[in-house]
């Protein structure tokens, strides 16, 4: 059985993952890659807003809030 990839929005709190691919328009993809979200980057889901959106992840030593609608387009593997 191979590795299963999921959207970043599907990872539960306190779980870690690794970015596999970012599937979104070039402008937002560029902004995210400028903030360090590149293929192979490990991160941890640290929290979420009271209604579940946005989610807060920690990567490269800092926290980043990302909308669930954007997080679903970031393909990750759970680690």
N, C-alpha and C. Protein backbone atom coordinates (compact mmCIF):
# COMPACT_ATOMS: atom_id res chain seq x y z
N UNK A 1 0.85 -1.18 0.00
CA UNK A 1 0.00 0.00 0.00
C UNK A 1 0.89 1.24 0.00
N UNK A 2 0.64 2.17 -0.91
CA UNK A 2 1.46 3.36 -1.06
C UNK A 2 1.10 4.46 -0.07
N UNK A 3 1.85 5.54 -0.16
CA UNK A 3 1.61 6.70 0.68
C UNK A 3 0.35 7.40 0.20
N UNK A 4 -0.49 7.81 1.13
CA UNK A 4 -1.73 8.50 0.78
C UNK A 4 -1.56 9.99 1.03
N UNK A 5 -1.84 10.78 0.02
CA UNK A 5 -1.75 12.23 0.13
C UNK A 5 -3.14 12.80 0.37
N UNK A 6 -3.19 13.86 1.20
CA UNK A 6 -4.46 14.51 1.53
C UNK A 6 -4.28 16.02 1.45
N UNK A 7 -5.37 16.75 1.51
CA UNK A 7 -5.31 18.20 1.58
C UNK A 7 -4.88 18.62 2.98
N UNK A 8 -4.15 19.71 3.08
CA UNK A 8 -3.69 20.20 4.38
C UNK A 8 -4.86 20.43 5.33
N UNK A 9 -6.01 20.81 4.81
CA UNK A 9 -7.19 21.07 5.66
C UNK A 9 -7.71 19.83 6.36
N UNK A 10 -7.30 18.64 5.93
CA UNK A 10 -7.79 17.39 6.51
C UNK A 10 -6.94 16.87 7.67
N UNK A 11 -5.79 17.50 7.91
CA UNK A 11 -4.95 17.07 9.03
C UNK A 11 -5.55 17.55 10.34
N UNK A 12 -5.67 16.67 11.33
CA UNK A 12 -6.19 17.10 12.63
C UNK A 12 -5.18 17.92 13.42
N UNK A 13 -5.64 18.57 14.47
CA UNK A 13 -4.77 19.37 15.34
C UNK A 13 -3.63 18.51 15.88
N UNK A 14 -2.47 19.14 16.05
CA UNK A 14 -1.28 18.52 16.62
C UNK A 14 -0.68 17.42 15.76
N UNK A 15 -1.06 17.35 14.49
CA UNK A 15 -0.47 16.39 13.56
C UNK A 15 0.54 17.09 12.67
N UNK A 16 1.54 16.36 12.26
CA UNK A 16 2.58 16.91 11.40
C UNK A 16 2.43 16.36 9.99
N UNK A 17 2.94 17.12 9.04
CA UNK A 17 2.89 16.71 7.65
C UNK A 17 4.05 17.28 6.87
N UNK A 18 4.12 16.85 5.60
CA UNK A 18 5.14 17.33 4.68
C UNK A 18 4.44 17.77 3.40
N UNK A 19 4.80 18.93 2.89
CA UNK A 19 4.17 19.47 1.69
C UNK A 19 4.64 18.68 0.47
N UNK A 20 3.68 18.24 -0.34
CA UNK A 20 3.96 17.50 -1.56
C UNK A 20 3.81 18.40 -2.78
N UNK A 21 2.72 19.17 -2.82
CA UNK A 21 2.45 20.04 -3.97
C UNK A 21 1.44 21.11 -3.59
N UNK A 22 1.53 22.26 -4.25
CA UNK A 22 0.57 23.35 -4.04
C UNK A 22 -0.16 23.56 -5.35
N UNK A 23 -1.48 23.30 -5.35
CA UNK A 23 -2.32 23.39 -6.55
C UNK A 23 -3.22 24.60 -6.48
N UNK A 24 -2.71 25.77 -6.82
CA UNK A 24 -3.53 26.98 -6.83
C UNK A 24 -2.96 27.98 -7.82
N UNK A 25 -3.64 29.11 -7.97
CA UNK A 25 -3.21 30.09 -8.95
C UNK A 25 -1.80 30.62 -8.61
N UNK A 26 -1.14 31.11 -9.61
CA UNK A 26 0.27 31.50 -9.47
C UNK A 26 0.52 32.58 -8.43
N UNK A 27 -0.38 33.56 -8.29
CA UNK A 27 -0.15 34.66 -7.35
C UNK A 27 -0.13 34.15 -5.90
N UNK A 28 -1.14 33.39 -5.51
CA UNK A 28 -1.18 32.87 -4.14
C UNK A 28 -0.08 31.84 -3.93
N UNK A 29 0.17 31.01 -4.92
CA UNK A 29 1.26 30.02 -4.80
C UNK A 29 2.59 30.74 -4.58
N UNK A 30 2.81 31.82 -5.28
CA UNK A 30 4.05 32.59 -5.13
C UNK A 30 4.17 33.16 -3.71
N UNK A 31 3.06 33.70 -3.19
CA UNK A 31 3.08 34.25 -1.83
C UNK A 31 3.43 33.17 -0.82
N UNK A 32 2.82 31.99 -0.97
CA UNK A 32 3.08 30.90 -0.03
C UNK A 32 4.51 30.39 -0.15
N UNK A 33 5.02 30.27 -1.35
CA UNK A 33 6.40 29.81 -1.50
C UNK A 33 7.38 30.85 -0.97
N UNK A 34 7.05 32.12 -1.10
CA UNK A 34 7.91 33.18 -0.53
C UNK A 34 7.96 33.09 0.99
N UNK A 35 6.91 32.53 1.60
CA UNK A 35 6.86 32.36 3.06
C UNK A 35 7.45 31.02 3.50
N UNK A 36 8.00 30.26 2.56
CA UNK A 36 8.67 29.02 2.91
C UNK A 36 7.88 27.75 2.70
N UNK A 37 6.70 27.85 2.12
CA UNK A 37 5.90 26.66 1.86
C UNK A 37 6.30 26.07 0.51
N UNK A 38 7.32 25.23 0.55
CA UNK A 38 7.79 24.60 -0.67
C UNK A 38 7.74 23.08 -0.50
N UNK A 39 7.82 22.38 -1.60
CA UNK A 39 7.79 20.92 -1.58
C UNK A 39 8.84 20.39 -0.61
N UNK A 40 8.42 19.48 0.24
CA UNK A 40 9.32 18.86 1.20
C UNK A 40 9.34 19.52 2.57
N UNK A 41 8.75 20.70 2.70
CA UNK A 41 8.74 21.41 3.98
C UNK A 41 7.84 20.69 4.97
N UNK A 42 8.35 20.46 6.17
CA UNK A 42 7.56 19.84 7.23
C UNK A 42 6.87 20.93 8.05
N UNK A 43 5.70 20.62 8.56
CA UNK A 43 4.91 21.57 9.33
C UNK A 43 4.08 20.80 10.35
N UNK A 44 3.49 21.55 11.28
CA UNK A 44 2.58 20.97 12.28
C UNK A 44 1.34 21.84 12.37
N UNK A 45 0.17 21.21 12.42
CA UNK A 45 -1.07 21.94 12.63
C UNK A 45 -1.16 22.27 14.12
N UNK A 46 -1.11 23.56 14.43
CA UNK A 46 -1.03 24.02 15.83
C UNK A 46 -2.36 24.46 16.40
N UNK A 47 -3.29 24.88 15.57
CA UNK A 47 -4.55 25.37 16.10
C UNK A 47 -5.51 25.77 14.99
N UNK A 48 -6.68 26.21 15.42
CA UNK A 48 -7.67 26.71 14.47
C UNK A 48 -8.58 27.70 15.17
N UNK A 49 -9.19 28.56 14.39
CA UNK A 49 -10.13 29.54 14.93
C UNK A 49 -11.34 28.81 15.51
N UNK A 50 -12.12 29.48 16.36
CA UNK A 50 -13.27 28.83 17.00
C UNK A 50 -14.24 28.15 16.03
N UNK A 51 -14.45 28.69 14.86
CA UNK A 51 -15.35 28.07 13.88
C UNK A 51 -14.60 27.18 12.90
N UNK A 52 -13.30 26.96 13.15
CA UNK A 52 -12.52 26.03 12.33
C UNK A 52 -11.79 26.65 11.16
N UNK A 53 -11.94 27.92 10.93
CA UNK A 53 -11.31 28.57 9.78
C UNK A 53 -10.86 29.96 10.18
N UNK A 54 -9.61 30.31 10.05
CA UNK A 54 -8.50 29.60 9.42
C UNK A 54 -7.83 28.61 10.37
N UNK A 55 -6.88 27.85 9.81
CA UNK A 55 -6.07 26.96 10.63
C UNK A 55 -4.70 27.60 10.82
N UNK A 56 -4.02 27.24 11.91
CA UNK A 56 -2.69 27.78 12.19
C UNK A 56 -1.69 26.65 12.11
N UNK A 57 -0.68 26.84 11.27
CA UNK A 57 0.38 25.85 11.15
C UNK A 57 1.70 26.47 11.58
N UNK A 58 2.62 25.61 11.98
CA UNK A 58 3.96 26.05 12.32
C UNK A 58 4.92 25.40 11.33
N UNK A 59 5.69 26.23 10.64
CA UNK A 59 6.69 25.73 9.73
C UNK A 59 7.89 26.65 9.76
N UNK A 60 9.06 26.07 9.63
CA UNK A 60 10.31 26.83 9.60
C UNK A 60 10.45 27.79 10.78
N UNK A 61 9.87 27.42 11.94
CA UNK A 61 10.03 28.22 13.16
C UNK A 61 9.06 29.37 13.34
N UNK A 62 8.06 29.48 12.50
CA UNK A 62 7.06 30.54 12.70
C UNK A 62 5.66 29.99 12.45
N UNK A 63 4.66 30.72 12.95
CA UNK A 63 3.26 30.34 12.76
C UNK A 63 2.67 31.07 11.58
N UNK A 64 1.80 30.38 10.86
CA UNK A 64 1.14 30.93 9.69
C UNK A 64 -0.33 30.52 9.72
N UNK A 65 -1.22 31.48 9.57
CA UNK A 65 -2.66 31.19 9.49
C UNK A 65 -3.03 31.09 8.01
N UNK A 66 -3.76 30.06 7.68
CA UNK A 66 -4.16 29.85 6.29
C UNK A 66 -5.63 29.43 6.24
N UNK A 67 -6.35 30.00 5.29
CA UNK A 67 -7.77 29.65 5.14
C UNK A 67 -7.91 28.19 4.73
N UNK A 68 -8.96 27.55 5.22
CA UNK A 68 -9.19 26.15 4.86
C UNK A 68 -9.43 26.00 3.36
N UNK A 69 -10.06 26.99 2.74
CA UNK A 69 -10.29 26.91 1.30
C UNK A 69 -8.99 26.90 0.52
N UNK A 70 -7.95 27.53 1.06
CA UNK A 70 -6.62 27.48 0.43
C UNK A 70 -5.87 26.23 0.85
N UNK A 71 -6.01 25.83 2.11
CA UNK A 71 -5.30 24.66 2.63
C UNK A 71 -5.72 23.38 1.90
N UNK A 72 -6.96 23.32 1.42
CA UNK A 72 -7.40 22.10 0.74
C UNK A 72 -6.67 21.90 -0.58
N UNK A 73 -6.07 22.96 -1.12
CA UNK A 73 -5.32 22.87 -2.38
C UNK A 73 -3.83 22.61 -2.18
N UNK A 74 -3.44 22.37 -0.93
CA UNK A 74 -2.05 22.05 -0.63
C UNK A 74 -1.99 20.57 -0.29
N UNK A 75 -1.39 19.80 -1.17
CA UNK A 75 -1.31 18.36 -1.01
C UNK A 75 -0.18 18.01 -0.05
N UNK A 76 -0.48 17.20 0.95
CA UNK A 76 0.50 16.87 1.99
C UNK A 76 0.46 15.37 2.28
N UNK A 77 1.52 14.90 2.94
CA UNK A 77 1.52 13.56 3.49
C UNK A 77 1.67 13.69 4.99
N UNK A 78 0.98 12.86 5.73
CA UNK A 78 1.05 12.87 7.19
C UNK A 78 2.33 12.18 7.63
N UNK A 79 3.01 12.79 8.59
CA UNK A 79 4.26 12.16 9.11
C UNK A 79 4.19 12.04 10.61
